[in-house]
PDB file of N, CA and C in Angstrom:
ATOM      1  N   UNK A   1     150.982 114.843  71.127  1.00  0.00           N
ATOM      2  CA  UNK A   1     151.716 113.629  70.805  1.00  0.00           C
ATOM      3  C   UNK A   1     152.973 114.003  70.037  1.00  0.00           C
ATOM      4  N   UNK A   2     153.989 113.248  70.240  1.00  0.00           N
ATOM      5  CA  UNK A   2     155.227 113.503  69.534  1.00  0.00           C
ATOM      6  C   UNK A   2     155.119 112.995  68.096  1.00  0.00           C
ATOM      7  N   UNK A   3     156.039 113.487  67.282  1.00  0.00           N
ATOM      8  CA  UNK A   3     156.035 113.095  65.870  1.00  0.00           C
ATOM      9  C   UNK A   3     156.254 111.599  65.695  1.00  0.00           C
ATOM     10  N   UNK A   4     156.935 110.960  66.664  1.00  0.00           N
ATOM     11  CA  UNK A   4     157.210 109.529  66.519  1.00  0.00           C
ATOM     12  C   UNK A   4     155.922 108.724  66.519  1.00  0.00           C
ATOM     13  N   UNK A   5     154.833 109.303  67.006  1.00  0.00           N
ATOM     14  CA  UNK A   5     153.559 108.588  67.033  1.00  0.00           C
ATOM     15  C   UNK A   5     152.641 108.965  65.866  1.00  0.00           C
ATOM     16  N   UNK A   6     153.136 109.794  64.943  1.00  0.00           N
ATOM     17  CA  UNK A   6     152.298 110.245  63.831  1.00  0.00           C
ATOM     18  C   UNK A   6     151.670 109.094  63.037  1.00  0.00           C
ATOM     19  N   UNK A   7     152.429 108.026  62.688  1.00  0.00           N
ATOM     20  CA  UNK A   7     151.791 106.931  61.926  1.00  0.00           C
ATOM     21  C   UNK A   7     150.662 106.263  62.711  1.00  0.00           C
ATOM     22  N   UNK A   8     150.855 106.102  64.027  1.00  0.00           N
ATOM     23  CA  UNK A   8     149.817 105.487  64.851  1.00  0.00           C
ATOM     24  C   UNK A   8     148.573 106.372  64.922  1.00  0.00           C
ATOM     25  N   UNK A   9     148.792 107.688  65.042  1.00  0.00           N
ATOM     26  CA  UNK A   9     147.656 108.614  65.106  1.00  0.00           C
ATOM     27  C   UNK A   9     146.874 108.563  63.798  1.00  0.00           C
ATOM     28  N   UNK A  10     147.587 108.548  62.683  1.00  0.00           N
ATOM     29  CA  UNK A  10     146.913 108.488  61.379  1.00  0.00           C
ATOM     30  C   UNK A  10     146.130 107.181  61.247  1.00  0.00           C
ATOM     31  N   UNK A  11     146.705 106.080  61.718  1.00  0.00           N
ATOM     32  CA  UNK A  11     146.016 104.790  61.694  1.00  0.00           C
ATOM     33  C   UNK A  11     144.718 104.877  62.505  1.00  0.00           C
ATOM     34  N   UNK A  12     144.800 105.432  63.706  1.00  0.00           N
ATOM     35  CA  UNK A  12     143.608 105.520  64.546  1.00  0.00           C
ATOM     36  C   UNK A  12     142.570 106.465  63.954  1.00  0.00           C
ATOM     37  N   UNK A  13     143.013 107.598  63.412  1.00  0.00           N
ATOM     38  CA  UNK A  13     142.066 108.517  62.750  1.00  0.00           C
ATOM     39  C   UNK A  13     141.343 107.805  61.599  1.00  0.00           C
ATOM     40  N   UNK A  14     142.094 107.021  60.833  1.00  0.00           N
ATOM     41  CA  UNK A  14     141.500 106.278  59.710  1.00  0.00           C
ATOM     42  C   UNK A  14     140.495 105.256  60.219  1.00  0.00           C
ATOM     43  N   UNK A  15     140.812 104.607  61.349  1.00  0.00           N
ATOM     44  CA  UNK A  15     139.885 103.616  61.911  1.00  0.00           C
ATOM     45  C   UNK A  15     138.583 104.281  62.367  1.00  0.00           C
ATOM     46  N   UNK A  16     138.682 105.427  63.033  1.00  0.00           N
ATOM     47  CA  UNK A  16     137.473 106.141  63.456  1.00  0.00           C
ATOM     48  C   UNK A  16     136.658 106.590  62.244  1.00  0.00           C
ATOM     49  N   UNK A  17     137.341 107.092  61.218  1.00  0.00           N
ATOM     50  CA  UNK A  17     136.644 107.547  60.011  1.00  0.00           C
ATOM     51  C   UNK A  17     135.918 106.380  59.341  1.00  0.00           C
ATOM     52  N   UNK A  18     136.567 105.226  59.268  1.00  0.00           N
ATOM     53  CA  UNK A  18     135.945 104.057  58.642  1.00  0.00           C
ATOM     54  C   UNK A  18     134.732 103.601  59.461  1.00  0.00           C
ATOM     55  N   UNK A  19     134.875 103.594  60.789  1.00  0.00           N
ATOM     56  CA  UNK A  19     133.757 103.213  61.661  1.00  0.00           C
ATOM     57  C   UNK A  19     132.571 104.150  61.438  1.00  0.00           C
ATOM     58  N   UNK A  20     132.834 105.447  61.450  1.00  0.00           N
ATOM     59  CA  UNK A  20     131.743 106.418  61.283  1.00  0.00           C
ATOM     60  C   UNK A  20     131.099 106.333  59.906  1.00  0.00           C
ATOM     61  N   UNK A  21     131.867 105.917  58.899  1.00  0.00           N
ATOM     62  CA  UNK A  21     131.337 105.756  57.541  1.00  0.00           C
ATOM     63  C   UNK A  21     130.688 104.384  57.354  1.00  0.00           C
ATOM     64  N   UNK A  22     130.742 103.547  58.410  1.00  0.00           N
ATOM     65  CA  UNK A  22     130.206 102.174  58.367  1.00  0.00           C
ATOM     66  C   UNK A  22     130.919 101.334  57.308  1.00  0.00           C
ATOM     67  N   UNK A  23     132.214 101.644  57.115  1.00  0.00           N
ATOM     68  CA  UNK A  23     133.034 100.898  56.157  1.00  0.00           C
ATOM     69  C   UNK A  23     133.798  99.824  56.940  1.00  0.00           C
ATOM     70  N   UNK A  24     133.127  98.705  57.189  1.00  0.00           N
ATOM     71  CA  UNK A  24     133.701  97.655  58.031  1.00  0.00           C
ATOM     72  C   UNK A  24     135.007  97.135  57.440  1.00  0.00           C
ATOM     73  N   UNK A  25     135.054  96.901  56.145  1.00  0.00           N
ATOM     74  CA  UNK A  25     136.265  96.332  55.542  1.00  0.00           C
ATOM     75  C   UNK A  25     137.472  97.243  55.732  1.00  0.00           C
ATOM     76  N   UNK A  26     137.274  98.554  55.558  1.00  0.00           N
ATOM     77  CA  UNK A  26     138.387  99.497  55.741  1.00  0.00           C
ATOM     78  C   UNK A  26     138.845  99.506  57.197  1.00  0.00           C
ATOM     79  N   UNK A  27     137.920  99.445  58.129  1.00  0.00           N
ATOM     80  CA  UNK A  27     138.286  99.426  59.551  1.00  0.00           C
ATOM     81  C   UNK A  27     139.010  98.133  59.913  1.00  0.00           C
ATOM     82  N   UNK A  28     138.486  96.997  59.459  1.00  0.00           N
ATOM     83  CA  UNK A  28     139.096  95.706  59.797  1.00  0.00           C
ATOM     84  C   UNK A  28     140.488  95.568  59.203  1.00  0.00           C
ATOM     85  N   UNK A  29     140.745  96.233  58.087  1.00  0.00           N
ATOM     86  CA  UNK A  29     142.069  96.173  57.455  1.00  0.00           C
ATOM     87  C   UNK A  29     143.133  96.822  58.338  1.00  0.00           C
ATOM     88  N   UNK A  30     142.715  97.598  59.345  1.00  0.00           N
ATOM     89  CA  UNK A  30     143.640  98.282  60.243  1.00  0.00           C
ATOM     90  C   UNK A  30     143.858  97.512  61.539  1.00  0.00           C
ATOM     91  N   UNK A  31     143.336  96.275  61.607  1.00  0.00           N
ATOM     92  CA  UNK A  31     143.409  95.469  62.824  1.00  0.00           C
ATOM     93  C   UNK A  31     144.165  94.176  62.575  1.00  0.00           C
ATOM     94  N   UNK A  32     144.756  93.649  63.655  1.00  0.00           N
ATOM     95  CA  UNK A  32     145.396  92.339  63.565  1.00  0.00           C
ATOM     96  C   UNK A  32     144.298  91.277  63.444  1.00  0.00           C
ATOM     97  N   UNK A  33     144.669  90.114  62.934  1.00  0.00           N
ATOM     98  CA  UNK A  33     143.687  89.036  62.739  1.00  0.00           C
ATOM     99  C   UNK A  33     143.069  88.585  64.059  1.00  0.00           C
ATOM    100  N   UNK A  34     143.834  88.728  65.164  1.00  0.00           N
ATOM    101  CA  UNK A  34     143.340  88.277  66.471  1.00  0.00           C
ATOM    102  C   UNK A  34     142.925  89.455  67.364  1.00  0.00           C
ATOM    103  N   UNK A  35     142.537  90.559  66.743  1.00  0.00           N
ATOM    104  CA  UNK A  35     142.166  91.764  67.494  1.00  0.00           C
ATOM    105  C   UNK A  35     141.167  91.438  68.617  1.00  0.00           C
ATOM    106  N   UNK A  36     141.339  92.121  69.749  1.00  0.00           N
ATOM    107  CA  UNK A  36     140.373  92.027  70.850  1.00  0.00           C
ATOM    108  C   UNK A  36     139.651  93.365  70.916  1.00  0.00           C
ATOM    109  N   UNK A  37     138.314  93.317  70.843  1.00  0.00           N
ATOM    110  CA  UNK A  37     137.505  94.534  70.755  1.00  0.00           C
ATOM    111  C   UNK A  37     136.381  94.456  71.787  1.00  0.00           C
ATOM    112  N   UNK A  38     136.160  95.537  72.547  1.00  0.00           N
ATOM    113  CA  UNK A  38     135.122  95.483  73.579  1.00  0.00           C
ATOM    114  C   UNK A  38     133.727  95.571  72.990  1.00  0.00           C
ATOM    115  N   UNK A  39     132.820  94.832  73.589  1.00  0.00           N
ATOM    116  CA  UNK A  39     131.402  94.951  73.236  1.00  0.00           C
ATOM    117  C   UNK A  39     130.829  95.996  74.184  1.00  0.00           C
ATOM    118  N   UNK A  40     131.083  97.250  73.845  1.00  0.00           N
ATOM    119  CA  UNK A  40     130.826  98.358  74.764  1.00  0.00           C
ATOM    120  C   UNK A  40     129.379  98.415  75.240  1.00  0.00           C
ATOM    121  N   UNK A  41     128.439  98.048  74.385  1.00  0.00           N
ATOM    122  CA  UNK A  41     127.027  98.161  74.753  1.00  0.00           C
ATOM    123  C   UNK A  41     126.459  96.846  75.278  1.00  0.00           C
ATOM    124  N   UNK A  42     127.264  95.792  75.244  1.00  0.00           N
ATOM    125  CA  UNK A  42     126.778  94.479  75.659  1.00  0.00           C
ATOM    126  C   UNK A  42     127.606  93.890  76.799  1.00  0.00           C
ATOM    127  N   UNK A  43     128.866  94.299  76.884  1.00  0.00           N
ATOM    128  CA  UNK A  43     129.777  93.729  77.866  1.00  0.00           C
ATOM    129  C   UNK A  43     130.608  92.624  77.260  1.00  0.00           C
ATOM    130  N   UNK A  44     131.820  92.466  77.768  1.00  0.00           N
ATOM    131  CA  UNK A  44     132.717  91.439  77.256  1.00  0.00           C
ATOM    132  C   UNK A  44     133.492  91.919  76.032  1.00  0.00           C
ATOM    133  N   UNK A  45     134.152  90.980  75.397  1.00  0.00           N
ATOM    134  CA  UNK A  45     134.984  91.274  74.228  1.00  0.00           C
ATOM    135  C   UNK A  45     134.640  90.320  73.094  1.00  0.00           C
ATOM    136  N   UNK A  46     134.907  90.760  71.877  1.00  0.00           N
ATOM    137  CA  UNK A  46     134.934  89.859  70.738  1.00  0.00           C
ATOM    138  C   UNK A  46     136.399  89.746  70.321  1.00  0.00           C
ATOM    139  N   UNK A  47     136.748  88.638  69.697  1.00  0.00           N
ATOM    140  CA  UNK A  47     138.137  88.438  69.280  1.00  0.00           C
ATOM    141  C   UNK A  47     138.165  88.017  67.812  1.00  0.00           C
ATOM    142  N   UNK A  48     139.033  88.694  67.075  1.00  0.00           N
ATOM    143  CA  UNK A  48     139.187  88.378  65.656  1.00  0.00           C
ATOM    144  C   UNK A  48     138.301  89.270  64.795  1.00  0.00           C
ATOM    145  N   UNK A  49     138.753  89.498  63.574  1.00  0.00           N
ATOM    146  CA  UNK A  49     138.060  90.445  62.706  1.00  0.00           C
ATOM    147  C   UNK A  49     136.648  90.003  62.341  1.00  0.00           C
ATOM    148  N   UNK A  50     136.411  88.712  62.189  1.00  0.00           N
ATOM    149  CA  UNK A  50     135.050  88.275  61.824  1.00  0.00           C
ATOM    150  C   UNK A  50     134.073  88.479  62.978  1.00  0.00           C
ATOM    151  N   UNK A  51     134.553  88.311  64.228  1.00  0.00           N
ATOM    152  CA  UNK A  51     133.682  88.583  65.376  1.00  0.00           C
ATOM    153  C   UNK A  51     133.407  90.081  65.502  1.00  0.00           C
ATOM    154  N   UNK A  52     134.410  90.913  65.191  1.00  0.00           N
ATOM    155  CA  UNK A  52     134.191  92.368  65.199  1.00  0.00           C
ATOM    156  C   UNK A  52     133.151  92.724  64.139  1.00  0.00           C
ATOM    157  N   UNK A  53     133.284  92.145  62.953  1.00  0.00           N
ATOM    158  CA  UNK A  53     132.317  92.401  61.872  1.00  0.00           C
ATOM    159  C   UNK A  53     130.892  92.055  62.329  1.00  0.00           C
ATOM    160  N   UNK A  54     130.729  90.898  62.938  1.00  0.00           N
ATOM    161  CA  UNK A  54     129.401  90.464  63.389  1.00  0.00           C
ATOM    162  C   UNK A  54     128.866  91.389  64.481  1.00  0.00           C
ATOM    163  N   UNK A  55     129.737  91.774  65.418  1.00  0.00           N
ATOM    164  CA  UNK A  55     129.318  92.659  66.506  1.00  0.00           C
ATOM    165  C   UNK A  55     128.889  94.015  65.972  1.00  0.00           C
ATOM    166  N   UNK A  56     129.696  94.617  65.093  1.00  0.00           N
ATOM    167  CA  UNK A  56     129.342  95.925  64.554  1.00  0.00           C
ATOM    168  C   UNK A  56     128.060  95.860  63.732  1.00  0.00           C
ATOM    169  N   UNK A  57     127.913  94.801  62.942  1.00  0.00           N
ATOM    170  CA  UNK A  57     126.703  94.658  62.131  1.00  0.00           C
ATOM    171  C   UNK A  57     125.464  94.618  63.026  1.00  0.00           C
ATOM    172  N   UNK A  58     125.554  93.858  64.113  1.00  0.00           N
ATOM    173  CA  UNK A  58     124.443  93.802  65.065  1.00  0.00           C
ATOM    174  C   UNK A  58     124.235  95.158  65.745  1.00  0.00           C
ATOM    175  N   UNK A  59     125.334  95.775  66.199  1.00  0.00           N
ATOM    176  CA  UNK A  59     125.255  97.064  66.891  1.00  0.00           C
ATOM    177  C   UNK A  59     124.586  98.116  66.004  1.00  0.00           C
ATOM    178  N   UNK A  60     125.013  98.191  64.756  1.00  0.00           N
ATOM    179  CA  UNK A  60     124.494  99.217  63.856  1.00  0.00           C
ATOM    180  C   UNK A  60     123.046  98.964  63.464  1.00  0.00           C
ATOM    181  N   UNK A  61     122.556  97.750  63.668  1.00  0.00           N
ATOM    182  CA  UNK A  61     121.140  97.486  63.395  1.00  0.00           C
ATOM    183  C   UNK A  61     120.261  97.990  64.542  1.00  0.00           C
ATOM    184  N   UNK A  62     120.875  98.255  65.701  1.00  0.00           N
ATOM    185  CA  UNK A  62     120.133  98.669  66.891  1.00  0.00           C
ATOM    186  C   UNK A  62     120.339 100.132  67.252  1.00  0.00           C
ATOM    187  N   UNK A  63     121.564 100.631  67.061  1.00  0.00           N
ATOM    188  CA  UNK A  63     121.893 102.006  67.433  1.00  0.00           C
ATOM    189  C   UNK A  63     122.745 102.643  66.351  1.00  0.00           C
ATOM    190  N   UNK A  64     122.911 103.961  66.457  1.00  0.00           N
ATOM    191  CA  UNK A  64     123.683 104.718  65.481  1.00  0.00           C
ATOM    192  C   UNK A  64     124.760 105.515  66.220  1.00  0.00           C
ATOM    193  N   UNK A  65     125.932 104.886  66.472  1.00  0.00           N
ATOM    194  CA  UNK A  65     126.992 105.593  67.185  1.00  0.00           C
ATOM    195  C   UNK A  65     127.888 106.400  66.251  1.00  0.00           C
ATOM    196  N   UNK A  66     128.368 107.541  66.761  1.00  0.00           N
ATOM    197  CA  UNK A  66     129.362 108.350  66.048  1.00  0.00           C
ATOM    198  C   UNK A  66     130.458 108.682  67.056  1.00  0.00           C
ATOM    199  N   UNK A  67     131.696 108.383  66.703  1.00  0.00           N
ATOM    200  CA  UNK A  67     132.819 108.594  67.606  1.00  0.00           C
ATOM    201  C   UNK A  67     133.854 109.496  66.941  1.00  0.00           C
ATOM    202  N   UNK A  68     134.186 110.582  67.619  1.00  0.00           N
ATOM    203  CA  UNK A  68     135.109 111.562  67.062  1.00  0.00           C
ATOM    204  C   UNK A  68     136.315 111.682  67.989  1.00  0.00           C
ATOM    205  N   UNK A  69     137.509 111.285  67.522  1.00  0.00           N
ATOM    206  CA  UNK A  69     138.690 111.423  68.378  1.00  0.00           C
ATOM    207  C   UNK A  69     139.038 112.899  68.575  1.00  0.00           C
ATOM    208  N   UNK A  70     139.231 113.293  69.842  1.00  0.00           N
ATOM    209  CA  UNK A  70     139.531 114.690  70.165  1.00  0.00           C
ATOM    210  C   UNK A  70     141.020 114.873  70.438  1.00  0.00           C
ATOM    211  N   UNK A  71     141.570 114.028  71.317  1.00  0.00           N
ATOM    212  CA  UNK A  71     142.970 114.142  71.706  1.00  0.00           C
ATOM    213  C   UNK A  71     143.586 112.749  71.812  1.00  0.00           C
ATOM    214  N   UNK A  72     144.884 112.704  71.585  1.00  0.00           N
ATOM    215  CA  UNK A  72     145.640 111.453  71.657  1.00  0.00           C
ATOM    216  C   UNK A  72     146.739 111.614  72.699  1.00  0.00           C
ATOM    217  N   UNK A  73     146.899 110.609  73.552  1.00  0.00           N
ATOM    218  CA  UNK A  73     147.894 110.651  74.618  1.00  0.00           C
ATOM    219  C   UNK A  73     148.743 109.388  74.572  1.00  0.00           C
ATOM    220  N   UNK A  74     150.048 109.577  74.649  1.00  0.00           N
ATOM    221  CA  UNK A  74     150.964 108.445  74.682  1.00  0.00           C
ATOM    222  C   UNK A  74     151.099 107.982  76.122  1.00  0.00           C
ATOM    223  N   UNK A  75     150.987 106.683  76.341  1.00  0.00           N
ATOM    224  CA  UNK A  75     151.134 106.128  77.685  1.00  0.00           C
ATOM    225  C   UNK A  75     152.469 105.414  77.808  1.00  0.00           C
ATOM    226  N   UNK A  76     152.956 105.281  79.048  1.00  0.00           N
ATOM    227  CA  UNK A  76     154.268 104.683  79.284  1.00  0.00           C
ATOM    228  C   UNK A  76     154.377 103.286  78.679  1.00  0.00           C
ATOM    229  N   UNK A  77     153.292 102.564  78.655  1.00  0.00           N
ATOM    230  CA  UNK A  77     153.297 101.183  78.157  1.00  0.00           C
ATOM    231  C   UNK A  77     153.412 101.112  76.639  1.00  0.00           C
ATOM    232  N   UNK A  78     153.399 102.270  75.983  1.00  0.00           N
ATOM    233  CA  UNK A  78     153.422 102.269  74.528  1.00  0.00           C
ATOM    234  C   UNK A  78     152.027 102.294  73.930  1.00  0.00           C
ATOM    235  N   UNK A  79     151.028 102.178  74.809  1.00  0.00           N
ATOM    236  CA  UNK A  79     149.651 102.250  74.321  1.00  0.00           C
ATOM    237  C   UNK A  79     149.272 103.706  74.079  1.00  0.00           C
ATOM    238  N   UNK A  80     148.185 103.898  73.376  1.00  0.00           N
ATOM    239  CA  UNK A  80     147.703 105.243  73.084  1.00  0.00           C
ATOM    240  C   UNK A  80     146.289 105.379  73.636  1.00  0.00           C
ATOM    241  N   UNK A  81     146.082 106.419  74.439  1.00  0.00           N
ATOM    242  CA  UNK A  81     144.774 106.728  74.992  1.00  0.00           C
ATOM    243  C   UNK A  81     144.153 107.834  74.148  1.00  0.00           C
ATOM    244  N   UNK A  82     142.911 107.629  73.733  1.00  0.00           N
ATOM    245  CA  UNK A  82     142.224 108.612  72.900  1.00  0.00           C
ATOM    246  C   UNK A  82     141.016 109.143  73.667  1.00  0.00           C
ATOM    247  N   UNK A  83     140.921 110.473  73.743  1.00  0.00           N
ATOM    248  CA  UNK A  83     139.741 111.135  74.286  1.00  0.00           C
ATOM    249  C   UNK A  83     138.755 111.219  73.119  1.00  0.00           C
ATOM    250  N   UNK A  84     137.611 110.550  73.269  1.00  0.00           N
ATOM    251  CA  UNK A  84     136.649 110.420  72.181  1.00  0.00           C
ATOM    252  C   UNK A  84     135.323 111.077  72.564  1.00  0.00           C
ATOM    253  N   UNK A  85     134.816 111.921  71.676  1.00  0.00           N
ATOM    254  CA  UNK A  85     133.459 112.449  71.850  1.00  0.00           C
ATOM    255  C   UNK A  85     132.520 111.462  71.169  1.00  0.00           C
ATOM    256  N   UNK A  86     131.691 110.830  71.977  1.00  0.00           N
ATOM    257  CA  UNK A  86     130.808 109.766  71.499  1.00  0.00           C
ATOM    258  C   UNK A  86     129.359 110.224  71.594  1.00  0.00           C
ATOM    259  N   UNK A  87     128.671 110.146  70.470  1.00  0.00           N
ATOM    260  CA  UNK A  87     127.238 110.434  70.441  1.00  0.00           C
ATOM    261  C   UNK A  87     126.545 109.179  69.921  1.00  0.00           C
ATOM    262  N   UNK A  88     125.626 108.670  70.718  1.00  0.00           N
ATOM    263  CA  UNK A  88     124.904 107.459  70.342  1.00  0.00           C
ATOM    264  C   UNK A  88     123.430 107.810  70.201  1.00  0.00           C
ATOM    265  N   UNK A  89     122.880 107.490  69.045  1.00  0.00           N
ATOM    266  CA  UNK A  89     121.459 107.730  68.781  1.00  0.00           C
ATOM    267  C   UNK A  89     120.751 106.397  68.556  1.00  0.00           C
ATOM    268  N   UNK A  90     119.453 106.405  68.785  1.00  0.00           N
ATOM    269  CA  UNK A  90     118.684 105.218  68.415  1.00  0.00           C
ATOM    270  C   UNK A  90     118.341 105.328  66.933  1.00  0.00           C
ATOM    271  N   UNK A  91     117.619 104.358  66.435  1.00  0.00           N
ATOM    272  CA  UNK A  91     117.336 104.336  64.999  1.00  0.00           C
ATOM    273  C   UNK A  91     116.440 105.490  64.551  1.00  0.00           C
ATOM    274  N   UNK A  92     115.774 106.146  65.513  1.00  0.00           N
ATOM    275  CA  UNK A  92     114.945 107.321  65.190  1.00  0.00           C
ATOM    276  C   UNK A  92     115.738 108.615  65.407  1.00  0.00           C
ATOM    277  N   UNK A  93     117.040 108.487  65.648  1.00  0.00           N
ATOM    278  CA  UNK A  93     117.962 109.609  65.844  1.00  0.00           C
ATOM    279  C   UNK A  93     117.733 110.377  67.142  1.00  0.00           C
ATOM    280  N   UNK A  94     117.077 109.754  68.118  1.00  0.00           N
ATOM    281  CA  UNK A  94     117.021 110.340  69.454  1.00  0.00           C
ATOM    282  C   UNK A  94     118.360 110.055  70.136  1.00  0.00           C
ATOM    283  N   UNK A  95     118.920 111.062  70.791  1.00  0.00           N
ATOM    284  CA  UNK A  95     120.225 110.908  71.422  1.00  0.00           C
ATOM    285  C   UNK A  95     120.098 110.075  72.699  1.00  0.00           C
ATOM    286  N   UNK A  96     120.839 108.970  72.739  1.00  0.00           N
ATOM    287  CA  UNK A  96     120.868 108.099  73.915  1.00  0.00           C
ATOM    288  C   UNK A  96     122.035 108.448  74.830  1.00  0.00           C
ATOM    289  N   UNK A  97     123.140 108.900  74.242  1.00  0.00           N
ATOM    290  CA  UNK A  97     124.327 109.272  75.015  1.00  0.00           C
ATOM    291  C   UNK A  97     125.117 110.312  74.238  1.00  0.00           C
ATOM    292  N   UNK A  98     125.646 111.289  74.961  1.00  0.00           N
ATOM    293  CA  UNK A  98     126.510 112.316  74.386  1.00  0.00           C
ATOM    294  C   UNK A  98     127.565 112.588  75.449  1.00  0.00           C
ATOM    295  N   UNK A  99     128.742 111.990  75.267  1.00  0.00           N
ATOM    296  CA  UNK A  99     129.731 112.030  76.340  1.00  0.00           C
ATOM    297  C   UNK A  99     131.139 111.858  75.788  1.00  0.00           C
ATOM    298  N   UNK A 100     132.112 112.146  76.644  1.00  0.00           N
ATOM    299  CA  UNK A 100     133.510 111.861  76.325  1.00  0.00           C
ATOM    300  C   UNK A 100     133.880 110.546  76.995  1.00  0.00           C
ATOM    301  N   UNK A 101     134.507 109.674  76.240  1.00  0.00           N
ATOM    302  CA  UNK A 101     134.958 108.383  76.764  1.00  0.00           C
ATOM    303  C   UNK A 101     136.419 108.198  76.373  1.00  0.00           C
ATOM    304  N   UNK A 102     137.070 107.275  77.077  1.00  0.00           N
ATOM    305  CA  UNK A 102     138.446 106.948  76.757  1.00  0.00           C
ATOM    306  C   UNK A 102     138.510 105.647  75.989  1.00  0.00           C
ATOM    307  N   UNK A 103     139.300 105.629  74.948  1.00  0.00           N
ATOM    308  CA  UNK A 103     139.606 104.405  74.204  1.00  0.00           C
ATOM    309  C   UNK A 103     141.113 104.204  74.294  1.00  0.00           C
ATOM    310  N   UNK A 104     141.535 103.058  74.807  1.00  0.00           N
ATOM    311  CA  UNK A 104     142.962 102.753  74.913  1.00  0.00           C
ATOM    312  C   UNK A 104     143.299 101.700  73.864  1.00  0.00           C
ATOM    313  N   UNK A 105     144.290 102.024  73.037  1.00  0.00           N
ATOM    314  CA  UNK A 105     144.683 101.120  71.954  1.00  0.00           C
ATOM    315  C   UNK A 105     146.068 100.538  72.201  1.00  0.00           C
ATOM    316  N   UNK A 106     146.176  99.246  71.949  1.00  0.00           N
ATOM    317  CA  UNK A 106     147.462  98.564  71.883  1.00  0.00           C
ATOM    318  C   UNK A 106     147.685  98.224  70.418  1.00  0.00           C
ATOM    319  N   UNK A 107     148.822  98.670  69.890  1.00  0.00           N
ATOM    320  CA  UNK A 107     149.125  98.424  68.483  1.00  0.00           C
ATOM    321  C   UNK A 107     150.234  97.377  68.370  1.00  0.00           C
ATOM    322  N   UNK A 108     150.160  96.599  67.324  1.00  0.00           N
ATOM    323  CA  UNK A 108     151.160  95.566  67.060  1.00  0.00           C
ATOM    324  C   UNK A 108     151.498  95.613  65.580  1.00  0.00           C
ATOM    325  N   UNK A 109     152.756  95.891  65.270  1.00  0.00           N
ATOM    326  CA  UNK A 109     153.229  95.956  63.885  1.00  0.00           C
ATOM    327  C   UNK A 109     152.344  96.865  63.032  1.00  0.00           C
ATOM    328  N   UNK A 110     152.018  98.030  63.599  1.00  0.00           N
ATOM    329  CA  UNK A 110     151.281  99.037  62.849  1.00  0.00           C
ATOM    330  C   UNK A 110     149.798  98.767  62.697  1.00  0.00           C
ATOM    331  N   UNK A 111     149.253  97.811  63.460  1.00  0.00           N
ATOM    332  CA  UNK A 111     147.828  97.499  63.389  1.00  0.00           C
ATOM    333  C   UNK A 111     147.240  97.494  64.800  1.00  0.00           C
ATOM    334  N   UNK A 112     145.932  97.695  64.889  1.00  0.00           N
ATOM    335  CA  UNK A 112     145.246  97.674  66.183  1.00  0.00           C
ATOM    336  C   UNK A 112     145.131  96.228  66.652  1.00  0.00           C
ATOM    337  N   UNK A 113     145.669  95.954  67.850  1.00  0.00           N
ATOM    338  CA  UNK A 113     145.592  94.608  68.408  1.00  0.00           C
ATOM    339  C   UNK A 113     144.538  94.520  69.516  1.00  0.00           C
ATOM    340  N   UNK A 114     144.445  95.588  70.327  1.00  0.00           N
ATOM    341  CA  UNK A 114     143.473  95.605  71.419  1.00  0.00           C
ATOM    342  C   UNK A 114     142.894  97.010  71.533  1.00  0.00           C
ATOM    343  N   UNK A 115     141.587  97.087  71.734  1.00  0.00           N
ATOM    344  CA  UNK A 115     140.938  98.348  72.074  1.00  0.00           C
ATOM    345  C   UNK A 115     140.185  98.110  73.364  1.00  0.00           C
ATOM    346  N   UNK A 116     140.333  99.050  74.302  1.00  0.00           N
ATOM    347  CA  UNK A 116     139.628  98.978  75.573  1.00  0.00           C
ATOM    348  C   UNK A 116     138.914 100.297  75.801  1.00  0.00           C
ATOM    349  N   UNK A 117     137.738 100.226  76.403  1.00  0.00           N
ATOM    350  CA  UNK A 117     137.051 101.431  76.844  1.00  0.00           C
ATOM    351  C   UNK A 117     137.497 101.667  78.279  1.00  0.00           C
ATOM    352  N   UNK A 118     137.917 102.895  78.580  1.00  0.00           N
ATOM    353  CA  UNK A 118     138.441 103.174  79.918  1.00  0.00           C
ATOM    354  C   UNK A 118     138.051 104.586  80.323  1.00  0.00           C
ATOM    355  N   UNK A 119     138.097 104.873  81.615  1.00  0.00           N
ATOM    356  CA  UNK A 119     137.802 106.234  82.043  1.00  0.00           C
ATOM    357  C   UNK A 119     138.904 107.176  81.596  1.00  0.00           C
ATOM    358  N   UNK A 120     138.554 108.412  81.362  1.00  0.00           N
ATOM    359  CA  UNK A 120     139.552 109.419  81.043  1.00  0.00           C
ATOM    360  C   UNK A 120     140.090 109.990  82.350  1.00  0.00           C
ATOM    361  N   UNK A 121     141.398 110.199  82.431  1.00  0.00           N
ATOM    362  CA  UNK A 121     141.941 110.867  83.623  1.00  0.00           C
ATOM    363  C   UNK A 121     141.397 112.286  83.708  1.00  0.00           C
ATOM    364  N   UNK A 122     141.312 112.805  84.906  1.00  0.00           N
ATOM    365  CA  UNK A 122     140.761 114.146  85.070  1.00  0.00           C
ATOM    366  C   UNK A 122     141.647 115.200  84.410  1.00  0.00           C
ATOM    367  N   UNK A 123     142.936 114.985  84.452  1.00  0.00           N
ATOM    368  CA  UNK A 123     143.840 115.903  83.741  1.00  0.00           C
ATOM    369  C   UNK A 123     144.968 115.094  83.141  1.00  0.00           C
ATOM    370  N   UNK A 124     144.946 114.957  81.857  1.00  0.00           N
ATOM    371  CA  UNK A 124     145.959 114.174  81.162  1.00  0.00           C
ATOM    372  C   UNK A 124     146.840 115.128  80.371  1.00  0.00           C
ATOM    373  N   UNK A 125     148.123 115.163  80.668  1.00  0.00           N
ATOM    374  CA  UNK A 125     149.002 116.028  79.866  1.00  0.00           C
ATOM    375  C   UNK A 125     149.165 115.459  78.476  1.00  0.00           C
ATOM    376  N   UNK A 126     149.107 116.335  77.487  1.00  0.00           N
ATOM    377  CA  UNK A 126     149.313 115.881  76.116  1.00  0.00           C
ATOM    378  C   UNK A 126     150.777 115.541  75.923  1.00  0.00           C
ATOM    379  N   UNK A 127     151.030 114.466  75.233  1.00  0.00           N
ATOM    380  CA  UNK A 127     152.412 114.040  74.994  1.00  0.00           C
ATOM    381  C   UNK A 127     152.996 114.833  73.835  1.00  0.00           C
TER     382      UNK A 127
END
């Protein structure tokens, strides 16, 4: 990624760190009030920070996900695609999924406005 995207990368790294630490307030502070967030394990989207809070609270009561950003790619649309190593465990710490997934972020005024789960391209050049 180019240096011009450094603030966005730091924002996204902070969001992943807050999610992994289960610090909902710190993560929500990095999102717009009308954020759209995918319900990756249920389908559909939630909208707004309070719906994200409710979704994560429910999700974390059922599973234990850990998401580690590996690479960041700038897309022509101004969005940022993140290659994420995702490990999902059940409450007994049995691994349910261990895979790389794509997270595409749309940012608005320095905050996360939309997150989408998407396939990773087979070969994505680093920006």
